[in-house]
mmCIF file of all heavy atoms, coordinates in Angstrom:
data_MODEL
# 
_entry.id   MODEL 
# 
loop_
_atom_site.group_PDB 
_atom_site.id 
_atom_site.type_symbol 
_atom_site.label_atom_id 
_atom_site.label_alt_id 
_atom_site.label_comp_id 
_atom_site.label_asym_id 
_atom_site.label_entity_id 
_atom_site.label_seq_id 
_atom_site.pdbx_PDB_ins_code 
_atom_site.Cartn_x 
_atom_site.Cartn_y 
_atom_site.Cartn_z 
_atom_site.occupancy 
_atom_site.B_iso_or_equiv 
_atom_site.pdbx_formal_charge 
_atom_site.auth_seq_id 
_atom_site.auth_comp_id 
_atom_site.auth_asym_id 
_atom_site.auth_atom_id 
_atom_site.pdbx_PDB_model_num 
ATOM 1   N N   . PRO A 1 1  ? 180.734 215.165 -53.605 1.00 0.00 ? 1  PRO A N   1 
ATOM 2   C CA  . PRO A 1 1  ? 181.348 215.992 -54.639 1.00 0.00 ? 1  PRO A CA  1 
ATOM 3   C C   . PRO A 1 1  ? 182.782 215.540 -54.916 1.00 0.00 ? 1  PRO A C   1 
ATOM 4   O O   . PRO A 1 1  ? 183.393 214.865 -54.076 1.00 0.00 ? 1  PRO A O   1 
ATOM 5   C CB  . PRO A 1 1  ? 181.334 217.392 -54.029 1.00 0.00 ? 1  PRO A CB  1 
ATOM 6   C CG  . PRO A 1 1  ? 181.411 217.150 -52.556 1.00 0.00 ? 1  PRO A CG  1 
ATOM 7   C CD  . PRO A 1 1  ? 180.660 215.871 -52.322 1.00 0.00 ? 1  PRO A CD  1 
ATOM 8   N N   . PRO A 1 2  ? 183.355 215.914 -56.063 1.00 0.00 ? 2  PRO A N   1 
ATOM 9   C CA  . PRO A 1 2  ? 184.703 215.453 -56.421 1.00 0.00 ? 2  PRO A CA  1 
ATOM 10  C C   . PRO A 1 2  ? 185.820 216.141 -55.645 1.00 0.00 ? 2  PRO A C   1 
ATOM 11  O O   . PRO A 1 2  ? 186.969 215.722 -55.732 1.00 0.00 ? 2  PRO A O   1 
ATOM 12  C CB  . PRO A 1 2  ? 184.802 215.762 -57.919 1.00 0.00 ? 2  PRO A CB  1 
ATOM 13  C CG  . PRO A 1 2  ? 183.811 216.842 -58.152 1.00 0.00 ? 2  PRO A CG  1 
ATOM 14  C CD  . PRO A 1 2  ? 182.705 216.648 -57.149 1.00 0.00 ? 2  PRO A CD  1 
ATOM 15  N N   . ARG A 1 3  ? 185.511 217.202 -54.888 1.00 0.00 ? 3  ARG A N   1 
ATOM 16  C CA  . ARG A 1 3  ? 186.521 217.882 -54.068 1.00 0.00 ? 3  ARG A CA  1 
ATOM 17  C C   . ARG A 1 3  ? 185.830 218.489 -52.851 1.00 0.00 ? 3  ARG A C   1 
ATOM 18  O O   . ARG A 1 3  ? 184.637 218.743 -52.891 1.00 0.00 ? 3  ARG A O   1 
ATOM 19  C CB  . ARG A 1 3  ? 187.258 218.963 -54.866 1.00 0.00 ? 3  ARG A CB  1 
ATOM 20  C CG  . ARG A 1 3  ? 186.425 220.122 -55.276 1.00 0.00 ? 3  ARG A CG  1 
ATOM 21  C CD  . ARG A 1 3  ? 187.136 221.057 -56.235 1.00 0.00 ? 3  ARG A CD  1 
ATOM 22  N NE  . ARG A 1 3  ? 187.608 220.429 -57.435 1.00 0.00 ? 3  ARG A NE  1 
ATOM 23  C CZ  . ARG A 1 3  ? 186.868 220.196 -58.519 1.00 0.00 ? 3  ARG A CZ  1 
ATOM 24  N NH1 . ARG A 1 3  ? 185.599 220.548 -58.526 1.00 0.00 ? 3  ARG A NH1 1 
ATOM 25  N NH2 . ARG A 1 3  ? 187.368 219.617 -59.572 1.00 0.00 ? 3  ARG A NH2 1 
ATOM 26  N N   . VAL A 1 4  ? 186.606 218.727 -51.785 1.00 0.00 ? 4  VAL A N   1 
ATOM 27  C CA  . VAL A 1 4  ? 186.056 219.298 -50.555 1.00 0.00 ? 4  VAL A CA  1 
ATOM 28  C C   . VAL A 1 4  ? 186.753 220.619 -50.283 1.00 0.00 ? 4  VAL A C   1 
ATOM 29  O O   . VAL A 1 4  ? 187.975 220.674 -50.201 1.00 0.00 ? 4  VAL A O   1 
ATOM 30  C CB  . VAL A 1 4  ? 186.260 218.335 -49.353 1.00 0.00 ? 4  VAL A CB  1 
ATOM 31  C CG1 . VAL A 1 4  ? 185.795 218.983 -48.063 1.00 0.00 ? 4  VAL A CG1 1 
ATOM 32  C CG2 . VAL A 1 4  ? 185.535 217.035 -49.585 1.00 0.00 ? 4  VAL A CG2 1 
ATOM 33  N N   . MET A 1 5  ? 185.952 221.678 -50.188 1.00 0.00 ? 5  MET A N   1 
ATOM 34  C CA  . MET A 1 5  ? 186.454 223.007 -49.861 1.00 0.00 ? 5  MET A CA  1 
ATOM 35  C C   . MET A 1 5  ? 185.808 223.426 -48.537 1.00 0.00 ? 5  MET A C   1 
ATOM 36  O O   . MET A 1 5  ? 184.609 223.715 -48.507 1.00 0.00 ? 5  MET A O   1 
ATOM 37  C CB  . MET A 1 5  ? 186.094 224.002 -50.958 1.00 0.00 ? 5  MET A CB  1 
ATOM 38  C CG  . MET A 1 5  ? 186.543 223.587 -52.342 1.00 0.00 ? 5  MET A CG  1 
ATOM 39  S SD  . MET A 1 5  ? 188.313 223.595 -52.502 1.00 0.00 ? 5  MET A SD  1 
ATOM 40  C CE  . MET A 1 5  ? 188.547 225.084 -53.383 1.00 0.00 ? 5  MET A CE  1 
ATOM 41  N N   . PHE A 1 6  ? 186.587 223.434 -47.472 1.00 0.00 ? 6  PHE A N   1 
ATOM 42  C CA  . PHE A 1 6  ? 186.037 223.785 -46.163 1.00 0.00 ? 6  PHE A CA  1 
ATOM 43  C C   . PHE A 1 6  ? 185.869 225.294 -45.995 1.00 0.00 ? 6  PHE A C   1 
ATOM 44  O O   . PHE A 1 6  ? 185.069 225.740 -45.189 1.00 0.00 ? 6  PHE A O   1 
ATOM 45  C CB  . PHE A 1 6  ? 186.932 223.245 -45.044 1.00 0.00 ? 6  PHE A CB  1 
ATOM 46  C CG  . PHE A 1 6  ? 186.663 221.813 -44.696 1.00 0.00 ? 6  PHE A CG  1 
ATOM 47  C CD1 . PHE A 1 6  ? 187.507 220.814 -45.129 1.00 0.00 ? 6  PHE A CD1 1 
ATOM 48  C CD2 . PHE A 1 6  ? 185.565 221.463 -43.935 1.00 0.00 ? 6  PHE A CD2 1 
ATOM 49  C CE1 . PHE A 1 6  ? 187.261 219.490 -44.804 1.00 0.00 ? 6  PHE A CE1 1 
ATOM 50  C CE2 . PHE A 1 6  ? 185.316 220.148 -43.602 1.00 0.00 ? 6  PHE A CE2 1 
ATOM 51  C CZ  . PHE A 1 6  ? 186.168 219.158 -44.046 1.00 0.00 ? 6  PHE A CZ  1 
ATOM 52  N N   . GLY A 1 7  ? 186.638 226.089 -46.707 1.00 0.00 ? 7  GLY A N   1 
ATOM 53  C CA  . GLY A 1 7  ? 186.561 227.542 -46.551 1.00 0.00 ? 7  GLY A CA  1 
ATOM 54  C C   . GLY A 1 7  ? 187.444 228.005 -45.403 1.00 0.00 ? 7  GLY A C   1 
ATOM 55  O O   . GLY A 1 7  ? 188.477 227.411 -45.107 1.00 0.00 ? 7  GLY A O   1 
ATOM 56  N N   . VAL A 1 8  ? 187.037 229.068 -44.703 1.00 0.00 ? 8  VAL A N   1 
ATOM 57  C CA  . VAL A 1 8  ? 187.807 229.616 -43.590 1.00 0.00 ? 8  VAL A CA  1 
ATOM 58  C C   . VAL A 1 8  ? 187.334 228.969 -42.296 1.00 0.00 ? 8  VAL A C   1 
ATOM 59  O O   . VAL A 1 8  ? 186.146 228.978 -41.985 1.00 0.00 ? 8  VAL A O   1 
ATOM 60  C CB  . VAL A 1 8  ? 187.656 231.152 -43.519 1.00 0.00 ? 8  VAL A CB  1 
ATOM 61  C CG1 . VAL A 1 8  ? 188.448 231.702 -42.350 1.00 0.00 ? 8  VAL A CG1 1 
ATOM 62  C CG2 . VAL A 1 8  ? 188.120 231.785 -44.816 1.00 0.00 ? 8  VAL A CG2 1 
ATOM 63  N N   . LEU A 1 9  ? 188.284 228.389 -41.548 1.00 0.00 ? 9  LEU A N   1 
ATOM 64  C CA  . LEU A 1 9  ? 187.973 227.673 -40.311 1.00 0.00 ? 9  LEU A CA  1 
ATOM 65  C C   . LEU A 1 9  ? 188.624 228.370 -39.124 1.00 0.00 ? 9  LEU A C   1 
ATOM 66  O O   . LEU A 1 9  ? 189.684 228.974 -39.254 1.00 0.00 ? 9  LEU A O   1 
ATOM 67  C CB  . LEU A 1 9  ? 188.480 226.228 -40.389 1.00 0.00 ? 9  LEU A CB  1 
ATOM 68  C CG  . LEU A 1 9  ? 188.090 225.425 -41.626 1.00 0.00 ? 9  LEU A CG  1 
ATOM 69  C CD1 . LEU A 1 9  ? 188.713 224.047 -41.556 1.00 0.00 ? 9  LEU A CD1 1 
ATOM 70  C CD2 . LEU A 1 9  ? 186.593 225.332 -41.752 1.00 0.00 ? 9  LEU A CD2 1 
ATOM 71  N N   . LYS A 1 10 ? 188.001 228.242 -37.965 1.00 0.00 ? 10 LYS A N   1 
ATOM 72  C CA  . LYS A 1 10 ? 188.548 228.812 -36.729 1.00 0.00 ? 10 LYS A CA  1 
ATOM 73  C C   . LYS A 1 10 ? 189.516 227.809 -36.109 1.00 0.00 ? 10 LYS A C   1 
ATOM 74  O O   . LYS A 1 10 ? 189.198 226.615 -35.984 1.00 0.00 ? 10 LYS A O   1 
ATOM 75  C CB  . LYS A 1 10 ? 187.410 229.115 -35.760 1.00 0.00 ? 10 LYS A CB  1 
ATOM 76  C CG  . LYS A 1 10 ? 187.859 229.732 -34.463 1.00 0.00 ? 10 LYS A CG  1 
ATOM 77  C CD  . LYS A 1 10 ? 186.672 229.995 -33.565 1.00 0.00 ? 10 LYS A CD  1 
ATOM 78  C CE  . LYS A 1 10 ? 187.154 230.498 -32.223 1.00 0.00 ? 10 LYS A CE  1 
ATOM 79  N NZ  . LYS A 1 10 ? 186.046 230.648 -31.284 1.00 0.00 ? 10 LYS A NZ  1 
ATOM 80  N N   . GLU A 1 11 ? 190.679 228.285 -35.718 1.00 0.00 ? 11 GLU A N   1 
ATOM 81  C CA  . GLU A 1 11 ? 191.697 227.415 -35.131 1.00 0.00 ? 11 GLU A CA  1 
ATOM 82  C C   . GLU A 1 11 ? 191.188 226.786 -33.830 1.00 0.00 ? 11 GLU A C   1 
ATOM 83  O O   . GLU A 1 11 ? 190.547 227.430 -33.019 1.00 0.00 ? 11 GLU A O   1 
ATOM 84  C CB  . GLU A 1 11 ? 192.970 228.213 -34.851 1.00 0.00 ? 11 GLU A CB  1 
ATOM 85  C CG  . GLU A 1 11 ? 194.093 227.358 -34.318 1.00 0.00 ? 11 GLU A CG  1 
ATOM 86  C CD  . GLU A 1 11 ? 195.356 228.173 -34.039 1.00 0.00 ? 11 GLU A CD  1 
ATOM 87  O OE1 . GLU A 1 11 ? 195.301 229.406 -34.084 1.00 0.00 ? 11 GLU A OE1 1 
ATOM 88  O OE2 . GLU A 1 11 ? 196.381 227.538 -33.756 1.00 0.00 ? 11 GLU A OE2 1 
ATOM 89  N N   . GLY A 1 12 ? 191.448 225.477 -33.676 1.00 0.00 ? 12 GLY A N   1 
ATOM 90  C CA  . GLY A 1 12 ? 191.055 224.762 -32.465 1.00 0.00 ? 12 GLY A CA  1 
ATOM 91  C C   . GLY A 1 12 ? 189.691 224.103 -32.555 1.00 0.00 ? 12 GLY A C   1 
ATOM 92  O O   . GLY A 1 12 ? 189.262 223.438 -31.616 1.00 0.00 ? 12 GLY A O   1 
ATOM 93  N N   . CYS A 1 13 ? 188.979 224.263 -33.659 1.00 0.00 ? 13 CYS A N   1 
ATOM 94  C CA  . CYS A 1 13 ? 187.645 223.667 -33.822 1.00 0.00 ? 13 CYS A CA  1 
ATOM 95  C C   . CYS A 1 13 ? 187.711 222.471 -34.779 1.00 0.00 ? 13 CYS A C   1 
ATOM 96  O O   . CYS A 1 13 ? 188.627 222.364 -35.589 1.00 0.00 ? 13 CYS A O   1 
ATOM 97  C CB  . CYS A 1 13 ? 186.653 224.692 -34.356 1.00 0.00 ? 13 CYS A CB  1 
ATOM 98  S SG  . CYS A 1 13 ? 186.358 226.056 -33.228 1.00 0.00 ? 13 CYS A SG  1 
ATOM 99  N N   . THR A 1 14 ? 186.724 221.596 -34.658 1.00 0.00 ? 14 THR A N   1 
ATOM 100 C CA  . THR A 1 14 ? 186.627 220.424 -35.529 1.00 0.00 ? 14 THR A CA  1 
ATOM 101 C C   . THR A 1 14 ? 185.444 220.600 -36.464 1.00 0.00 ? 14 THR A C   1 
ATOM 102 O O   . THR A 1 14 ? 184.355 220.979 -36.038 1.00 0.00 ? 14 THR A O   1 
ATOM 103 C CB  . THR A 1 14 ? 186.447 219.143 -34.692 1.00 0.00 ? 14 THR A CB  1 
ATOM 104 O OG1 . THR A 1 14 ? 187.556 219.026 -33.807 1.00 0.00 ? 14 THR A OG1 1 
ATOM 105 C CG2 . THR A 1 14 ? 186.385 217.916 -35.575 1.00 0.00 ? 14 THR A CG2 1 
ATOM 106 N N   . TYR A 1 15 ? 185.661 220.301 -37.732 1.00 0.00 ? 15 TYR A N   1 
ATOM 107 C CA  . TYR A 1 15 ? 184.627 220.429 -38.759 1.00 0.00 ? 15 TYR A CA  1 
ATOM 108 C C   . TYR A 1 15 ? 184.489 219.091 -39.490 1.00 0.00 ? 15 TYR A C   1 
ATOM 109 O O   . TYR A 1 15 ? 185.478 218.389 -39.686 1.00 0.00 ? 15 TYR A O   1 
ATOM 110 C CB  . TYR A 1 15 ? 184.986 221.528 -39.762 1.00 0.00 ? 15 TYR A CB  1 
ATOM 111 C CG  . TYR A 1 15 ? 185.118 222.886 -39.125 1.00 0.00 ? 15 TYR A CG  1 
ATOM 112 C CD1 . TYR A 1 15 ? 186.321 223.289 -38.552 1.00 0.00 ? 15 TYR A CD1 1 
ATOM 113 C CD2 . TYR A 1 15 ? 184.043 223.754 -39.088 1.00 0.00 ? 15 TYR A CD2 1 
ATOM 114 C CE1 . TYR A 1 15 ? 186.445 224.539 -37.957 1.00 0.00 ? 15 TYR A CE1 1 
ATOM 115 C CE2 . TYR A 1 15 ? 184.156 225.010 -38.499 1.00 0.00 ? 15 TYR A CE2 1 
ATOM 116 C CZ  . TYR A 1 15 ? 185.365 225.390 -37.930 1.00 0.00 ? 15 TYR A CZ  1 
ATOM 117 O OH  . TYR A 1 15 ? 185.473 226.622 -37.345 1.00 0.00 ? 15 TYR A OH  1 
ATOM 118 N N   . VAL A 1 16 ? 183.262 218.761 -39.887 1.00 0.00 ? 16 VAL A N   1 
ATOM 119 C CA  . VAL A 1 16 ? 182.993 217.488 -40.554 1.00 0.00 ? 16 VAL A CA  1 
ATOM 120 C C   . VAL A 1 16 ? 182.111 217.737 -41.777 1.00 0.00 ? 16 VAL A C   1 
ATOM 121 O O   . VAL A 1 16 ? 181.185 218.548 -41.728 1.00 0.00 ? 16 VAL A O   1 
ATOM 122 C CB  . VAL A 1 16 ? 182.271 216.494 -39.607 1.00 0.00 ? 16 VAL A CB  1 
ATOM 123 C CG1 . VAL A 1 16 ? 181.957 215.189 -40.324 1.00 0.00 ? 16 VAL A CG1 1 
ATOM 124 C CG2 . VAL A 1 16 ? 183.094 216.227 -38.378 1.00 0.00 ? 16 VAL A CG2 1 
ATOM 125 N N   . THR A 1 17 ? 182.408 217.032 -42.862 1.00 0.00 ? 17 THR A N   1 
ATOM 126 C CA  . THR A 1 17 ? 181.553 217.036 -44.037 1.00 0.00 ? 17 THR A CA  1 
ATOM 127 C C   . THR A 1 17 ? 181.472 215.614 -44.576 1.00 0.00 ? 17 THR A C   1 
ATOM 128 O O   . THR A 1 17 ? 182.311 214.776 -44.246 1.00 0.00 ? 17 THR A O   1 
ATOM 129 C CB  . THR A 1 17 ? 182.058 218.014 -45.120 1.00 0.00 ? 17 THR A CB  1 
ATOM 130 O OG1 . THR A 1 17 ? 181.067 218.130 -46.136 1.00 0.00 ? 17 THR A OG1 1 
ATOM 131 C CG2 . THR A 1 17 ? 183.354 217.530 -45.741 1.00 0.00 ? 17 THR A CG2 1 
ATOM 132 N N   . THR A 1 18 ? 180.461 215.337 -45.384 1.00 0.00 ? 18 THR A N   1 
ATOM 133 C CA  . THR A 1 18 ? 180.242 213.998 -45.919 1.00 0.00 ? 18 THR A CA  1 
ATOM 134 C C   . THR A 1 18 ? 180.458 213.989 -47.422 1.00 0.00 ? 18 THR A C   1 
ATOM 135 O O   . THR A 1 18 ? 179.997 214.881 -48.126 1.00 0.00 ? 18 THR A O   1 
ATOM 136 C CB  . THR A 1 18 ? 178.809 213.522 -45.598 1.00 0.00 ? 18 THR A CB  1 
ATOM 137 O OG1 . THR A 1 18 ? 178.628 213.556 -44.182 1.00 0.00 ? 18 THR A OG1 1 
ATOM 138 C CG2 . THR A 1 18 ? 178.576 212.117 -46.088 1.00 0.00 ? 18 THR A CG2 1 
ATOM 139 N N   . VAL A 1 19 ? 181.175 212.967 -47.893 1.00 0.00 ? 19 VAL A N   1 
ATOM 140 C CA  . VAL A 1 19 ? 181.389 212.736 -49.311 1.00 0.00 ? 19 VAL A CA  1 
ATOM 141 C C   . VAL A 1 19 ? 180.806 211.369 -49.631 1.00 0.00 ? 19 VAL A C   1 
ATOM 142 O O   . VAL A 1 19 ? 180.953 210.422 -48.856 1.00 0.00 ? 19 VAL A O   1 
ATOM 143 C CB  . VAL A 1 19 ? 182.893 212.779 -49.664 1.00 0.00 ? 19 VAL A CB  1 
ATOM 144 C CG1 . VAL A 1 19 ? 183.133 212.404 -51.118 1.00 0.00 ? 19 VAL A CG1 1 
ATOM 145 C CG2 . VAL A 1 19 ? 183.462 214.151 -49.378 1.00 0.00 ? 19 VAL A CG2 1 
ATOM 146 N N   . ILE A 1 20 ? 180.126 211.246 -50.768 1.00 0.00 ? 20 ILE A N   1 
ATOM 147 C CA  . ILE A 1 20 ? 179.521 209.975 -51.171 1.00 0.00 ? 20 ILE A CA  1 
ATOM 148 C C   . ILE A 1 20 ? 180.422 209.298 -52.183 1.00 0.00 ? 20 ILE A C   1 
ATOM 149 O O   . ILE A 1 20 ? 180.868 209.917 -53.155 1.00 0.00 ? 20 ILE A O   1 
ATOM 150 C CB  . ILE A 1 20 ? 178.117 210.217 -51.760 1.00 0.00 ? 20 ILE A CB  1 
ATOM 151 C CG1 . ILE A 1 20 ? 177.194 210.741 -50.669 1.00 0.00 ? 20 ILE A CG1 1 
ATOM 152 C CG2 . ILE A 1 20 ? 177.565 208.950 -52.392 1.00 0.00 ? 20 ILE A CG2 1 
ATOM 153 C CD1 . ILE A 1 20 ? 175.838 211.169 -51.159 1.00 0.00 ? 20 ILE A CD1 1 
ATOM 154 N N   . LEU A 1 21 ? 180.714 208.025 -51.945 1.00 0.00 ? 21 LEU A N   1 
ATOM 155 C CA  . LEU A 1 21 ? 181.478 207.195 -52.870 1.00 0.00 ? 21 LEU A CA  1 
ATOM 156 C C   . LEU A 1 21 ? 180.493 206.211 -53.482 1.00 0.00 ? 21 LEU A C   1 
ATOM 157 O O   . LEU A 1 21 ? 180.007 205.313 -52.796 1.00 0.00 ? 21 LEU A O   1 
ATOM 158 C CB  . LEU A 1 21 ? 182.596 206.461 -52.125 1.00 0.00 ? 21 LEU A CB  1 
ATOM 159 C CG  . LEU A 1 21 ? 183.544 205.639 -52.962 1.00 0.00 ? 21 LEU A CG  1 
ATOM 160 C CD1 . LEU A 1 21 ? 184.379 206.527 -53.875 1.00 0.00 ? 21 LEU A CD1 1 
ATOM 161 C CD2 . LEU A 1 21 ? 184.462 204.825 -52.069 1.00 0.00 ? 21 LEU A CD2 1 
ATOM 162 N N   . LYS A 1 22 ? 180.164 206.412 -54.757 1.00 0.00 ? 22 LYS A N   1 
ATOM 163 C CA  . LYS A 1 22 ? 179.125 205.617 -55.413 1.00 0.00 ? 22 LYS A CA  1 
ATOM 164 C C   . LYS A 1 22 ? 179.753 204.626 -56.383 1.00 0.00 ? 22 LYS A C   1 
ATOM 165 O O   . LYS A 1 22 ? 180.593 204.989 -57.200 1.00 0.00 ? 22 LYS A O   1 
ATOM 166 C CB  . LYS A 1 22 ? 178.156 206.531 -56.159 1.00 0.00 ? 22 LYS A CB  1 
ATOM 167 C CG  . LYS A 1 22 ? 177.006 205.793 -56.789 1.00 0.00 ? 22 LYS A CG  1 
ATOM 168 C CD  . LYS A 1 22 ? 175.949 206.724 -57.304 1.00 0.00 ? 22 LYS A CD  1 
ATOM 169 C CE  . LYS A 1 22 ? 174.777 205.916 -57.802 1.00 0.00 ? 22 LYS A CE  1 
ATOM 170 N NZ  . LYS A 1 22 ? 173.661 206.740 -58.174 1.00 0.00 ? 22 LYS A NZ  1 
ATOM 171 N N   . ASN A 1 23 ? 179.310 203.365 -56.322 1.00 0.00 ? 23 ASN A N   1 
ATOM 172 C CA  . ASN A 1 23 ? 179.765 202.330 -57.244 1.00 0.00 ? 23 ASN A CA  1 
ATOM 173 C C   . ASN A 1 23 ? 178.944 202.449 -58.524 1.00 0.00 ? 23 ASN A C   1 
ATOM 174 O O   . ASN A 1 23 ? 177.755 202.155 -58.540 1.00 0.00 ? 23 ASN A O   1 
ATOM 175 C CB  . ASN A 1 23 ? 179.594 200.944 -56.615 1.00 0.00 ? 23 ASN A CB  1 
ATOM 176 C CG  . ASN A 1 23 ? 180.134 199.837 -57.493 1.00 0.00 ? 23 ASN A CG  1 
ATOM 177 O OD1 . ASN A 1 23 ? 180.555 200.061 -58.618 1.00 0.00 ? 23 ASN A OD1 1 
ATOM 178 N ND2 . ASN A 1 23 ? 180.123 198.628 -56.973 1.00 0.00 ? 23 ASN A ND2 1 
ATOM 179 N N   . VAL A 1 24 ? 179.572 202.875 -59.601 1.00 0.00 ? 24 VAL A N   1 
ATOM 180 C CA  . VAL A 1 24 ? 178.882 203.057 -60.876 1.00 0.00 ? 24 VAL A CA  1 
ATOM 181 C C   . VAL A 1 24 ? 179.124 201.894 -61.826 1.00 0.00 ? 24 VAL A C   1 
ATOM 182 O O   . VAL A 1 24 ? 178.736 201.952 -62.991 1.00 0.00 ? 24 VAL A O   1 
ATOM 183 C CB  . VAL A 1 24 ? 179.293 204.388 -61.549 1.00 0.00 ? 24 VAL A CB  1 
ATOM 184 C CG1 . VAL A 1 24 ? 178.815 205.561 -60.730 1.00 0.00 ? 24 VAL A CG1 1 
ATOM 185 C CG2 . VAL A 1 24 ? 180.789 204.442 -61.769 1.00 0.00 ? 24 VAL A CG2 1 
ATOM 186 N N   . GLY A 1 25 ? 179.750 200.836 -61.333 1.00 0.00 ? 25 GLY A N   1 
ATOM 187 C CA  . GLY A 1 25 ? 180.002 199.668 -62.162 1.00 0.00 ? 25 GLY A CA  1 
ATOM 188 C C   . GLY A 1 25 ? 178.856 198.675 -62.116 1.00 0.00 ? 25 GLY A C   1 
ATOM 189 O O   . GLY A 1 25 ? 177.794 198.936 -61.545 1.00 0.00 ? 25 GLY A O   1 
ATOM 190 N N   . VAL A 1 26 ? 179.064 197.510 -62.736 1.00 0.00 ? 26 VAL A N   1 
ATOM 191 C CA  . VAL A 1 26 ? 178.046 196.463 -62.763 1.00 0.00 ? 26 VAL A CA  1 
ATOM 192 C C   . VAL A 1 26 ? 178.385 195.328 -61.801 1.00 0.00 ? 26 VAL A C   1 
ATOM 193 O O   . VAL A 1 26 ? 177.612 194.394 -61.655 1.00 0.00 ? 26 VAL A O   1 
ATOM 194 C CB  . VAL A 1 26 ? 177.859 195.896 -64.190 1.00 0.00 ? 26 VAL A CB  1 
ATOM 195 C CG1 . VAL A 1 26 ? 177.303 196.959 -65.103 1.00 0.00 ? 26 VAL A CG1 1 
ATOM 196 C CG2 . VAL A 1 26 ? 179.157 195.346 -64.732 1.00 0.00 ? 26 VAL A CG2 1 
ATOM 197 N N   . ASN A 1 27 ? 179.531 195.383 -61.146 1.00 0.00 ? 27 ASN A N   1 
ATOM 198 C CA  . ASN A 1 27 ? 179.949 194.360 -60.187 1.00 0.00 ? 27 ASN A CA  1 
ATOM 199 C C   . ASN A 1 27 ? 180.117 195.000 -58.816 1.00 0.00 ? 27 ASN A C   1 
ATOM 200 O O   . ASN A 1 27 ? 180.288 196.209 -58.708 1.00 0.00 ? 27 ASN A O   1 
ATOM 201 C CB  . ASN A 1 27 ? 181.291 193.749 -60.595 1.00 0.00 ? 27 ASN A CB  1 
ATOM 202 C CG  . ASN A 1 27 ? 181.257 193.147 -61.973 1.00 0.00 ? 27 ASN A CG  1 
ATOM 203 O OD1 . ASN A 1 27 ? 180.276 192.521 -62.355 1.00 0.00 ? 27 ASN A OD1 1 
ATOM 204 N ND2 . ASN A 1 27 ? 182.312 193.362 -62.729 1.00 0.00 ? 27 ASN A ND2 1 
ATOM 205 N N   . PHE A 1 28 ? 180.115 194.163 -57.775 1.00 0.00 ? 28 PHE A N   1 
ATOM 206 C CA  . PHE A 1 28 ? 180.441 194.711 -56.470 1.00 0.00 ? 28 PHE A CA  1 
ATOM 207 C C   . PHE A 1 28 ? 181.935 195.002 -56.460 1.00 0.00 ? 28 PHE A C   1 
ATOM 208 O O   . PHE A 1 28 ? 182.718 194.349 -57.132 1.00 0.00 ? 28 PHE A O   1 
ATOM 209 C CB  . PHE A 1 28 ? 180.024 193.768 -55.335 1.00 0.00 ? 28 PHE A CB  1 
ATOM 210 C CG  . PHE A 1 28 ? 180.802 192.491 -55.253 1.00 0.00 ? 28 PHE A CG  1 
ATOM 211 C CD1 . PHE A 1 28 ? 181.998 192.436 -54.558 1.00 0.00 ? 28 PHE A CD1 1 
ATOM 212 C CD2 . PHE A 1 28 ? 180.348 191.342 -55.879 1.00 0.00 ? 28 PHE A CD2 1 
ATOM 213 C CE1 . PHE A 1 28 ? 182.721 191.266 -54.477 1.00 0.00 ? 28 PHE A CE1 1 
ATOM 214 C CE2 . PHE A 1 28 ? 181.069 190.167 -55.801 1.00 0.00 ? 28 PHE A CE2 1 
ATOM 215 C CZ  . PHE A 1 28 ? 182.248 190.128 -55.105 1.00 0.00 ? 28 PHE A CZ  1 
ATOM 216 N N   . SER A 1 29 ? 182.321 196.028 -55.721 1.00 0.00 ? 29 SER A N   1 
ATOM 217 C CA  . SER A 1 29 ? 183.722 196.431 -55.659 1.00 0.00 ? 29 SER A CA  1 
ATOM 218 C C   . SER A 1 29 ? 184.098 196.768 -54.227 1.00 0.00 ? 29 SER A C   1 
ATOM 219 O O   . SER A 1 29 ? 183.252 197.120 -53.417 1.00 0.00 ? 29 SER A O   1 
ATOM 220 C CB  . SER A 1 29 ? 183.974 197.657 -56.539 1.00 0.00 ? 29 SER A CB  1 
ATOM 221 O OG  . SER A 1 29 ? 183.785 197.344 -57.885 1.00 0.00 ? 29 SER A OG  1 
ATOM 222 N N   . ARG A 1 30 ? 185.370 196.675 -53.964 1.00 0.00 ? 30 ARG A N   1 
ATOM 223 C CA  . ARG A 1 30 ? 185.908 197.001 -52.638 1.00 0.00 ? 30 ARG A CA  1 
ATOM 224 C C   . ARG A 1 30 ? 186.782 198.243 -52.752 1.00 0.00 ? 30 ARG A C   1 
ATOM 225 O O   . ARG A 1 30 ? 187.286 198.568 -53.816 1.00 0.00 ? 30 ARG A O   1 
ATOM 226 C CB  . ARG A 1 30 ? 186.743 195.846 -52.099 1.00 0.00 ? 30 ARG A CB  1 
ATOM 227 C CG  . ARG A 1 30 ? 185.941 194.593 -51.877 1.00 0.00 ? 30 ARG A CG  1 
ATOM 228 C CD  . ARG A 1 30 ? 186.843 193.476 -51.347 1.00 0.00 ? 30 ARG A CD  1 
ATOM 229 N NE  . ARG A 1 30 ? 186.117 192.233 -51.253 1.00 0.00 ? 30 ARG A NE  1 
ATOM 230 C CZ  . ARG A 1 30 ? 185.361 191.887 -50.224 1.00 0.00 ? 30 ARG A CZ  1 
ATOM 231 N NH1 . ARG A 1 30 ? 185.262 192.683 -49.196 1.00 0.00 ? 30 ARG A NH1 1 
ATOM 232 N NH2 . ARG A 1 30 ? 184.721 190.741 -50.217 1.00 0.00 ? 30 ARG A NH2 1 
# 
């Protein structure tokens, strides 16, 4: 998604989410 909203988190804990970076061009890119 274009933004990440974690919401309400508990202090001292670790949270992870995944974002996809998609190449929409016609060439390979870095």
